[in-house]
Every structure is written in C-alpha cells, then in structure tokens.
C-alpha atoms as a PDB file:
ATOM      1  CA  GLU A   1       7.834 -31.542 -16.124  1.00  0.00           C
ATOM      2  CA  ASP A   2       4.569 -30.572 -16.888  1.00  0.00           C
ATOM      3  CA  ILE A   3       3.620 -28.427 -13.136  1.00  0.00           C
ATOM      4  CA  PRO A   4      -0.141 -27.849 -13.378  1.00  0.00           C
ATOM      5  CA  GLY A   5      -1.158 -23.973 -13.552  1.00  0.00           C
ATOM      6  CA  THR A   6       1.734 -22.941 -14.588  1.00  0.00           C
ATOM      7  CA  ASP A   7       2.905 -22.128 -18.285  1.00  0.00           C
ATOM      8  CA  SER A   8       4.736 -26.092 -18.996  1.00  0.00           C
ATOM      9  CA  PRO A   9       6.963 -27.638 -19.873  1.00  0.00           C
ATOM     10  CA  LEU A  10       9.395 -26.381 -16.478  1.00  0.00           C
ATOM     11  CA  ASP A  11      12.611 -28.531 -15.553  1.00  0.00           C
ATOM     12  CA  SER A  12      12.210 -27.661 -11.723  1.00  0.00           C
ATOM     13  CA  ASN A  13      16.527 -28.420 -11.752  1.00  0.00           C
ATOM     14  CA  ALA A  14      16.720 -25.418 -14.473  1.00  0.00           C
ATOM     15  CA  VAL A  15      18.648 -22.569 -12.352  1.00  0.00           C
ATOM     16  CA  GLY A  16      19.309 -19.325 -13.804  1.00  0.00           C
ATOM     17  CA  GLY A  17      22.739 -19.170 -14.238  1.00  0.00           C
ATOM     18  CA  ILE A  18      25.658 -18.451 -11.667  1.00  0.00           C
ATOM     19  CA  ASP A  19      25.045 -14.936 -11.820  1.00  0.00           C
ATOM     20  CA  ILE A  20      21.545 -14.670  -9.991  1.00  0.00           C
ATOM     21  CA  GLY A  21      21.281 -17.855  -8.015  1.00  0.00           C
ATOM     22  CA  TYR A  22      17.638 -19.336  -7.717  1.00  0.00           C
ATOM     23  CA  PHE A  23      15.960 -20.857 -10.371  1.00  0.00           C
ATOM     24  CA  VAL A  24      14.290 -20.083 -13.413  1.00  0.00           C
ATOM     25  CA  GLY A  25      10.213 -18.329 -12.947  1.00  0.00           C
ATOM     26  CA  GLY A  26       7.674 -18.328 -15.429  1.00  0.00           C
ATOM     27  CA  THR A  27       3.551 -18.240 -14.845  1.00  0.00           C
ATOM     28  CA  GLY A  28       1.073 -19.035 -13.096  1.00  0.00           C
ATOM     29  CA  TRP A  29      -1.961 -19.487 -12.590  1.00  0.00           C
ATOM     30  CA  TYR A  30      -5.142 -19.929  -9.588  1.00  0.00           C
ATOM     31  CA  ARG A  31      -8.071 -20.644  -9.492  1.00  0.00           C
ATOM     32  CA  LYS A  32     -11.357 -20.073  -6.738  1.00  0.00           C
ATOM     33  CA  LYS A  33     -14.878 -20.660  -6.907  1.00  0.00           C
ATOM     34  CA  PHE A  34     -17.255 -19.047  -4.037  1.00  0.00           C
ATOM     35  CA  THR A  35     -20.897 -18.305  -3.103  1.00  0.00           C
ATOM     36  CA  ILE A  36     -22.462 -15.457  -1.492  1.00  0.00           C
ATOM     37  CA  PRO A  37     -25.864 -15.778   0.301  1.00  0.00           C
ATOM     38  CA  SER A  38     -28.326 -12.975  -1.827  1.00  0.00           C
ATOM     39  CA  GLU A  39     -29.054 -12.064   2.251  1.00  0.00           C
ATOM     40  CA  LEU A  40     -25.936 -10.509   1.880  1.00  0.00           C
ATOM     41  CA  ASN A  41     -26.749  -8.018  -1.214  1.00  0.00           C
ATOM     42  CA  GLY A  42     -26.077  -4.499  -0.418  1.00  0.00           C
ATOM     43  CA  LYS A  43     -22.901  -4.864   2.115  1.00  0.00           C
ATOM     44  CA  ARG A  44     -19.605  -3.778   1.213  1.00  0.00           C
ATOM     45  CA  PHE A  45     -16.822  -6.584  -0.740  1.00  0.00           C
ATOM     46  CA  ASN A  46     -12.372  -6.711  -0.438  1.00  0.00           C
ATOM     47  CA  ILE A  47     -10.701  -8.707  -1.275  1.00  0.00           C
ATOM     48  CA  ASN A  48      -7.195  -8.917   0.353  1.00  0.00           C
ATOM     49  CA  PHE A  49      -3.965 -10.419  -0.936  1.00  0.00           C
ATOM     50  CA  GLU A  50      -1.213 -10.741   1.746  1.00  0.00           C
ATOM     51  CA  GLY A  51       1.353 -11.836  -0.650  1.00  0.00           C
ATOM     52  CA  VAL A  52       1.813 -12.332  -3.888  1.00  0.00           C
ATOM     53  CA  TYR A  53       4.897 -12.733  -5.511  1.00  0.00           C
ATOM     54  CA  MET A  54       4.636 -11.561  -8.051  1.00  0.00           C
ATOM     55  CA  ASN A  55       3.638  -8.838 -10.476  1.00  0.00           C
ATOM     56  CA  ALA A  56      -0.154 -10.481 -10.202  1.00  0.00           C
ATOM     57  CA  ASP A  57      -2.729  -9.880 -12.386  1.00  0.00           C
ATOM     58  CA  ILE A  58      -6.234 -10.246 -10.632  1.00  0.00           C
ATOM     59  CA  TRP A  59     -10.246 -11.518 -12.520  1.00  0.00           C
ATOM     60  CA  LEU A  60     -13.491 -11.679 -10.618  1.00  0.00           C
ATOM     61  CA  ASN A  61     -15.695 -13.416 -13.214  1.00  0.00           C
ATOM     62  CA  GLY A  62     -14.026 -12.292 -16.302  1.00  0.00           C
ATOM     63  CA  GLU A  63     -13.315  -8.759 -15.031  1.00  0.00           C
ATOM     64  CA  TYR A  64     -10.356  -6.965 -14.817  1.00  0.00           C
ATOM     65  CA  LEU A  65      -9.483  -5.855 -11.676  1.00  0.00           C
ATOM     66  CA  GLY A  66      -5.548  -4.119 -11.548  1.00  0.00           C
ATOM     67  CA  ASN A  67      -2.252  -5.448 -11.632  1.00  0.00           C
ATOM     68  CA  HIS A  68      -0.013  -5.480  -8.337  1.00  0.00           C
ATOM     69  CA  PRO A  69       3.441  -5.463  -9.743  1.00  0.00           C
ATOM     70  CA  TYR A  70       5.716  -5.195  -6.882  1.00  0.00           C
ATOM     71  CA  GLY A  71       5.515  -9.172  -4.555  1.00  0.00           C
ATOM     72  CA  TYR A  72       6.036  -7.508  -1.181  1.00  0.00           C
ATOM     73  CA  THR A  73       3.400  -5.664  -0.015  1.00  0.00           C
ATOM     74  CA  SER A  74      -0.350  -6.082   0.314  1.00  0.00           C
ATOM     75  CA  PHE A  75      -2.997  -5.349  -1.873  1.00  0.00           C
ATOM     76  CA  TRP A  76      -6.685  -5.205  -2.411  1.00  0.00           C
ATOM     77  CA  TYR A  77      -9.756  -4.848  -4.649  1.00  0.00           C
ATOM     78  CA  ASP A  78     -13.309  -3.487  -3.842  1.00  0.00           C
ATOM     79  CA  ILE A  79     -15.511  -6.059  -5.223  1.00  0.00           C
ATOM     80  CA  SER A  80     -18.909  -5.298  -4.938  1.00  0.00           C
ATOM     81  CA  GLU A  81     -20.245  -4.193  -7.972  1.00  0.00           C
ATOM     82  CA  ASN A  82     -18.680  -7.403  -9.783  1.00  0.00           C
ATOM     83  CA  LEU A  83     -19.735 -10.335  -7.722  1.00  0.00           C
ATOM     84  CA  ILE A  84     -22.965 -12.409  -8.587  1.00  0.00           C
ATOM     85  CA  PHE A  85     -25.485 -13.001  -5.707  1.00  0.00           C
ATOM     86  CA  GLY A  86     -26.322 -16.851  -4.561  1.00  0.00           C
ATOM     87  CA  GLU A  87     -24.655 -17.848  -7.539  1.00  0.00           C
ATOM     88  CA  GLU A  88     -20.809 -18.967  -7.756  1.00  0.00           C
ATOM     89  CA  ASN A  89     -18.082 -16.804  -8.342  1.00  0.00           C
ATOM     90  CA  ILE A  90     -14.493 -17.171  -9.742  1.00  0.00           C
ATOM     91  CA  VAL A  91     -11.150 -15.057  -8.995  1.00  0.00           C
ATOM     92  CA  ALA A  92      -8.020 -15.934 -11.284  1.00  0.00           C
ATOM     93  CA  VAL A  93      -4.936 -14.896 -10.137  1.00  0.00           C
ATOM     94  CA  LYS A  94      -1.920 -14.878 -13.021  1.00  0.00           C
ATOM     95  CA  VAL A  95       1.204 -14.580 -11.670  1.00  0.00           C
ATOM     96  CA  ARG A  96       4.972 -13.542 -13.695  1.00  0.00           C
ATOM     97  CA  ASN A  97       8.313 -14.582 -11.956  1.00  0.00           C
ATOM     98  CA  GLU A  98      10.732 -13.433 -15.071  1.00  0.00           C
ATOM     99  CA  GLY A  99      13.235 -11.891 -14.349  1.00  0.00           C
ATOM    100  CA  LYS A 100      16.280 -10.637 -12.220  1.00  0.00           C
ATOM    101  CA  ASN A 101      14.350  -9.648  -9.589  1.00  0.00           C
ATOM    102  CA  SER A 102      15.790 -10.996  -5.822  1.00  0.00           C
ATOM    103  CA  ARG A 103      19.173 -11.108  -4.661  1.00  0.00           C
ATOM    104  CA  TRP A 104      17.979 -15.080  -3.017  1.00  0.00           C
ATOM    105  CA  TYR A 105      15.665 -17.718  -4.254  1.00  0.00           C
ATOM    106  CA  SER A 106      12.155 -15.881  -3.652  1.00  0.00           C
ATOM    107  CA  GLY A 107       9.905 -18.982  -5.063  1.00  0.00           C
ATOM    108  CA  SER A 108       7.064 -17.789  -6.691  1.00  0.00           C
ATOM    109  CA  GLY A 109       3.058 -17.454  -6.336  1.00  0.00           C
ATOM    110  CA  ILE A 110       0.348 -16.502  -3.642  1.00  0.00           C
ATOM    111  CA  TYR A 111       2.625 -17.348  -0.671  1.00  0.00           C
ATOM    112  CA  ARG A 112       0.135 -15.708   2.610  1.00  0.00           C
ATOM    113  CA  HIS A 113      -3.687 -15.845   2.897  1.00  0.00           C
ATOM    114  CA  VAL A 114      -5.958 -14.195   0.718  1.00  0.00           C
ATOM    115  CA  TRP A 115      -9.547 -12.537   2.668  1.00  0.00           C
ATOM    116  CA  LEU A 116     -12.881 -11.915   1.717  1.00  0.00           C
ATOM    117  CA  SER A 117     -13.888  -9.064   4.306  1.00  0.00           C
ATOM    118  CA  VAL A 118     -17.923  -8.199   4.717  1.00  0.00           C
ATOM    119  CA  THR A 119     -18.651  -5.201   5.470  1.00  0.00           C
ATOM    120  CA  GLU A 120     -21.551  -2.427   6.066  1.00  0.00           C
ATOM    121  CA  PRO A 121     -21.724   1.071   3.708  1.00  0.00           C
ATOM    122  CA  LEU A 122     -20.152   2.848   6.251  1.00  0.00           C
ATOM    123  CA  TYR A 123     -16.811   1.207   7.727  1.00  0.00           C
ATOM    124  CA  ILE A 124     -12.938   1.796   8.218  1.00  0.00           C
ATOM    125  CA  ALA A 125     -10.889   1.496   5.346  1.00  0.00           C
ATOM    126  CA  PRO A 126      -9.058  -1.545   4.575  1.00  0.00           C
ATOM    127  CA  TRP A 127      -5.134  -0.646   6.676  1.00  0.00           C
ATOM    128  CA  GLY A 128      -7.014   2.744   7.534  1.00  0.00           C
ATOM    129  CA  THR A 129      -5.909   2.378  10.917  1.00  0.00           C
ATOM    130  CA  TYR A 130      -2.415   4.295  11.591  1.00  0.00           C
ATOM    131  CA  ILE A 131      -1.011   4.531  14.933  1.00  0.00           C
ATOM    132  CA  THR A 132       2.599   6.538  16.342  1.00  0.00           C
ATOM    133  CA  THR A 133       3.520   7.238  19.374  1.00  0.00           C
ATOM    134  CA  PRO A 134       5.361  10.904  19.466  1.00  0.00           C
ATOM    135  CA  GLU A 135       5.942  11.071  22.898  1.00  0.00           C
ATOM    136  CA  VAL A 136       6.655   8.454  24.953  1.00  0.00           C
ATOM    137  CA  SER A 137       8.258   8.597  28.881  1.00  0.00           C
ATOM    138  CA  ASN A 138       7.986   6.782  31.997  1.00  0.00           C
ATOM    139  CA  PRO A 139       4.622   8.446  33.533  1.00  0.00           C
ATOM    140  CA  LEU A 140       2.808   8.895  30.301  1.00  0.00           C
ATOM    141  CA  ALA A 141       2.742   7.742  26.887  1.00  0.00           C
ATOM    142  CA  GLN A 142       0.959   9.793  23.477  1.00  0.00           C
ATOM    143  CA  VAL A 143      -0.738   8.099  21.206  1.00  0.00           C
ATOM    144  CA  ASP A 144      -2.133   9.403  17.832  1.00  0.00           C
ATOM    145  CA  VAL A 145      -4.882   7.263  16.182  1.00  0.00           C
ATOM    146  CA  LYS A 146      -5.537   7.974  12.479  1.00  0.00           C
ATOM    147  CA  THR A 147      -8.017   6.564  11.367  1.00  0.00           C
ATOM    148  CA  LYS A 148     -10.241   6.213   7.891  1.00  0.00           C
ATOM    149  CA  VAL A 149     -13.569   5.966   7.381  1.00  0.00           C
ATOM    150  CA  VAL A 150     -15.498   5.330   4.361  1.00  0.00           C
ATOM    151  CA  ASN A 151     -19.827   6.297   3.706  1.00  0.00           C
ATOM    152  CA  ASP A 152     -20.166   4.562   0.263  1.00  0.00           C
ATOM    153  CA  SER A 153     -23.840   4.591   1.295  1.00  0.00           C
ATOM    154  CA  ASP A 154     -25.937   7.383  -0.148  1.00  0.00           C
ATOM    155  CA  LYS A 155     -27.561   9.155   2.508  1.00  0.00           C
ATOM    156  CA  SER A 156     -25.245  11.288   5.599  1.00  0.00           C
ATOM    157  CA  MET A 157     -25.136   9.043   8.623  1.00  0.00           C
ATOM    158  CA  GLU A 158     -23.851  10.623  12.347  1.00  0.00           C
ATOM    159  CA  VAL A 159     -22.062   8.828  14.107  1.00  0.00           C
ATOM    160  CA  ALA A 160     -19.166   8.546  16.495  1.00  0.00           C
ATOM    161  CA  LEU A 161     -15.682   6.688  16.164  1.00  0.00           C
ATOM    162  CA  VAL A 162     -14.944   5.108  19.288  1.00  0.00           C
ATOM    163  CA  THR A 163     -10.802   4.082  20.181  1.00  0.00           C
ATOM    164  CA  ILE A 164     -10.147   1.818  23.241  1.00  0.00           C
ATOM    165  CA  ILE A 165      -6.781   0.595  24.011  1.00  0.00           C
ATOM    166  CA  ILE A 166      -6.008  -2.332  25.531  1.00  0.00           C
ATOM    167  CA  ASP A 167      -2.765  -3.752  27.266  1.00  0.00           C
ATOM    168  CA  GLN A 168      -1.729  -7.127  27.487  1.00  0.00           C
ATOM    169  CA  LYS A 169      -3.372  -8.711  30.614  1.00  0.00           C
ATOM    170  CA  GLY A 170      -6.661  -7.484  28.679  1.00  0.00           C
ATOM    171  CA  GLU A 171      -7.760  -3.986  30.453  1.00  0.00           C
ATOM    172  CA  GLU A 172      -8.887  -0.877  29.096  1.00  0.00           C
ATOM    173  CA  THR A 173      -5.913   1.711  29.521  1.00  0.00           C
ATOM    174  CA  ALA A 174      -7.485   4.560  27.877  1.00  0.00           C
ATOM    175  CA  LYS A 175     -10.180   5.646  25.464  1.00  0.00           C
ATOM    176  CA  VAL A 176     -11.396   8.580  23.338  1.00  0.00           C
ATOM    177  CA  GLU A 177     -15.072   8.861  21.796  1.00  0.00           C
ATOM    178  CA  THR A 178     -14.854  11.421  18.436  1.00  0.00           C
ATOM    179  CA  LYS A 179     -18.957  12.319  16.772  1.00  0.00           C
ATOM    180  CA  MET A 180     -18.760  12.883  13.109  1.00  0.00           C
ATOM    181  CA  GLN A 181     -20.814  13.768  10.370  1.00  0.00           C
ATOM    182  CA  ILE A 182     -19.810  12.042   7.329  1.00  0.00           C
ATOM    183  CA  GLU A 183     -21.310  12.658   3.663  1.00  0.00           C
ATOM    184  CA  ALA A 184     -22.947  10.056   1.655  1.00  0.00           C
ATOM    185  CA  ALA A 185     -20.171   8.938  -0.871  1.00  0.00           C
ATOM    186  CA  SER A 186     -17.127   9.761   0.688  1.00  0.00           C
ATOM    187  CA  SER A 187     -14.396   9.594   3.498  1.00  0.00           C
ATOM    188  CA  LEU A 188     -12.715  11.145   6.336  1.00  0.00           C
ATOM    189  CA  GLU A 189      -9.940  10.732   8.032  1.00  0.00           C
ATOM    190  CA  ILE A 190     -10.184  11.320  11.823  1.00  0.00           C
ATOM    191  CA  SER A 191      -7.775  11.941  14.129  1.00  0.00           C
ATOM    192  CA  GLN A 192      -7.260  11.147  17.666  1.00  0.00           C
ATOM    193  CA  ASN A 193      -5.345  11.572  21.020  1.00  0.00           C
ATOM    194  CA  LEU A 194      -4.723   8.771  23.833  1.00  0.00           C
ATOM    195  CA  ALA A 195      -2.761   9.398  26.977  1.00  0.00           C
ATOM    196  CA  VAL A 196      -1.957   5.586  27.956  1.00  0.00           C
ATOM    197  CA  ARG A 197      -0.248   5.746  31.979  1.00  0.00           C
ATOM    198  CA  SER A 198       2.613   4.352  32.954  1.00  0.00           C
ATOM    199  CA  PRO A 199       3.697   2.756  29.794  1.00  0.00           C
ATOM    200  CA  GLU A 200       4.701  -0.848  29.263  1.00  0.00           C
ATOM    201  CA  LEU A 201       7.580  -0.087  26.618  1.00  0.00           C
ATOM    202  CA  TRP A 202       8.017  -2.309  23.584  1.00  0.00           C
ATOM    203  CA  SER A 203      12.477  -3.541  23.334  1.00  0.00           C
ATOM    204  CA  PRO A 204      13.228  -6.471  21.459  1.00  0.00           C
ATOM    205  CA  GLU A 205      13.753  -8.209  25.456  1.00  0.00           C
ATOM    206  CA  SER A 206      10.457  -7.244  26.686  1.00  0.00           C
ATOM    207  CA  PRO A 207       7.827  -6.979  23.777  1.00  0.00           C
ATOM    208  CA  ASN A 208       5.155  -6.054  25.247  1.00  0.00           C
ATOM    209  CA  LEU A 209       1.734  -4.702  23.184  1.00  0.00           C
ATOM    210  CA  TYR A 210      -1.185  -2.904  22.930  1.00  0.00           C
ATOM    211  CA  THR A 211      -4.132  -3.484  21.022  1.00  0.00           C
ATOM    212  CA  ALA A 212      -6.094  -0.262  19.547  1.00  0.00           C
ATOM    213  CA  VAL A 213      -9.767  -1.514  19.086  1.00  0.00           C
ATOM    214  CA  THR A 214     -11.554   0.871  16.910  1.00  0.00           C
ATOM    215  CA  GLU A 215     -14.710   0.900  16.346  1.00  0.00           C
ATOM    216  CA  ILE A 216     -17.859   3.398  14.231  1.00  0.00           C
ATOM    217  CA  ILE A 217     -20.811   3.301  16.376  1.00  0.00           C
ATOM    218  CA  ASP A 218     -24.552   5.538  15.941  1.00  0.00           C
ATOM    219  CA  SER A 219     -26.506   6.532  19.053  1.00  0.00           C
ATOM    220  CA  ASP A 220     -28.221   3.303  19.759  1.00  0.00           C
ATOM    221  CA  SER A 221     -24.842   1.713  20.366  1.00  0.00           C
ATOM    222  CA  GLN A 222     -24.893  -0.444  16.887  1.00  0.00           C
ATOM    223  CA  VAL A 223     -21.605  -1.311  15.634  1.00  0.00           C
ATOM    224  CA  PHE A 224     -21.175  -0.758  11.828  1.00  0.00           C
ATOM    225  CA  ASP A 225     -17.120  -1.759  12.140  1.00  0.00           C
ATOM    226  CA  LYS A 226     -14.729  -2.599  13.723  1.00  0.00           C
ATOM    227  CA  VAL A 227     -10.705  -3.016  13.213  1.00  0.00           C
ATOM    228  CA  GLU A 228      -8.232  -3.725  16.123  1.00  0.00           C
ATOM    229  CA  THR A 229      -4.281  -2.991  15.777  1.00  0.00           C
ATOM    230  CA  THR A 230      -1.718  -4.284  17.727  1.00  0.00           C
ATOM    231  CA  PHE A 231       1.495  -1.637  17.841  1.00  0.00           C
ATOM    232  CA  GLY A 232       4.142  -1.120  21.167  1.00  0.00           C
ATOM    233  CA  ILE A 233       5.447   1.927  22.257  1.00  0.00           C
ATOM    234  CA  ARG A 234       8.286   3.239  21.674  1.00  0.00           C
ATOM    235  CA  THR A 235      10.695   6.099  20.993  1.00  0.00           C
ATOM    236  CA  ILE A 236      13.623   5.640  17.654  1.00  0.00           C
ATOM    237  CA  GLU A 237      15.551   8.834  18.184  1.00  0.00           C
ATOM    238  CA  PHE A 238      18.840   9.569  16.409  1.00  0.00           C
ATOM    239  CA  THR A 239      21.358  12.350  17.401  1.00  0.00           C
ATOM    240  CA  VAL A 240      24.279  13.394  15.960  1.00  0.00           C
ATOM    241  CA  GLU A 241      26.349  12.841  19.626  1.00  0.00           C
ATOM    242  CA  LYS A 242      25.275   9.018  19.728  1.00  0.00           C
ATOM    243  CA  GLY A 243      24.133   8.571  16.269  1.00  0.00           C
END
C-alpha cells in the first residue's frame, strides 16, 4: 500500500512476527511551511517537539538542526539564526522506527504538538523551571523553585525574577522577588524559596494543584518573559519499617 510521506510500498496488514507483537516500522517524512513577519527579527525563536516516535532528524530551510533518538521525551532547537524573515520557511522532519523497540504497537511519527515559541533575547529557558516541595506539613509547605534565565543579548541587564504561587481558586498564596544582574551571552540559575500556609495537598483522591507564575521584569515593570508551571504539594517517603 502506498502511504504518503513514507518509504513505500508498505503493507498495512504486515505484522512484525509473533515475537514482537506490532506492525513493521519504517521511515516517514513531515514538512511544514510557515512565514515569520519581518518586524519580529531580533527576537528568539524555539521550535519545541512534545513527542516524536522515534529517531527524529530535523532540518530548517535545508540546514540540519540535529537528531533526537528517543521517542518518549520532548526536545527543542533554537532556530533564531536559521529563519528567513518575511519569506517562506520549511521545516522537515524525518522519523525512523526500524527495530524491536517497544513491548506493544507504539505507532510512529509526530504524535504530540509542535510549538513555535517567540521570546525576547532575555528569557526563561525551555523547561527551565524546576519545582520541589522538600518540607510539607498541615500548617506550612516549603516550595523551592529553580529557574534558568538566559540572556542572548549583547549587553548586561539588571532585572528581577518574580514568582507567584496561585491556588485552584485563583488566589495568591506566596510571592518572592529576586533581583539579579545577568551578563551578555550568559545564563543564570536562580533559586527561590516560598512558604505556602495551610497547603491543600495533592493525592489521587484529591488532586489539588497550584500554579507557579514566573516573570522576568525590569525596574519599569516591563515583562520580558512569563512562564506558568503547574505542580502539586506532596512528599513521598520510603522507610525501613514500611517500605
């Protein structure tokens, strides 16, 4: 059967054998055309793949960006220097699923969203917010937030990193502001500690969630970047007595 975008011919009914339990894999191609307005030149652009199964090679306008072999993790590329502003751009994705790599029929190809994110040269890195809850009790929960801030501009900048924790009702429960100076063409990891009083703990029966809103702002309250991260307050403990 001739399936568009693949190395055909393929037989959709062909199975890989009784020892693997799924259909024969192969190679597939994706192409997407898009245009970026010229007035956005100077901003930073990342292309983010939430899930591609598997062994993906990525090109933009004929330039090779890289390979991501694993099929269950997200990945991204900074394409700021590869774009053609005001003209047509083409992103191409080659996906290969060739071996015995799963215990079930996993399918193949791009199976989650692909995003194009646009930021200022000063921004929070993709997946750059990491949240833990090292101390949890009924009266108080300690929330630690680590944020990676990137400055791709050619000048040093004095800004503040502000993190606000909001509960499910939309109410602010904690806030912290950290001032910093970040040099040109560099990055910083900022650690912030917040205390949430009378926390609503997460559990399978009551999956209470909070949202951490993190912003980079300057002295004039100009927002350079903003990221929202959803998390639950909970601890998991293994002991000798109870496992």
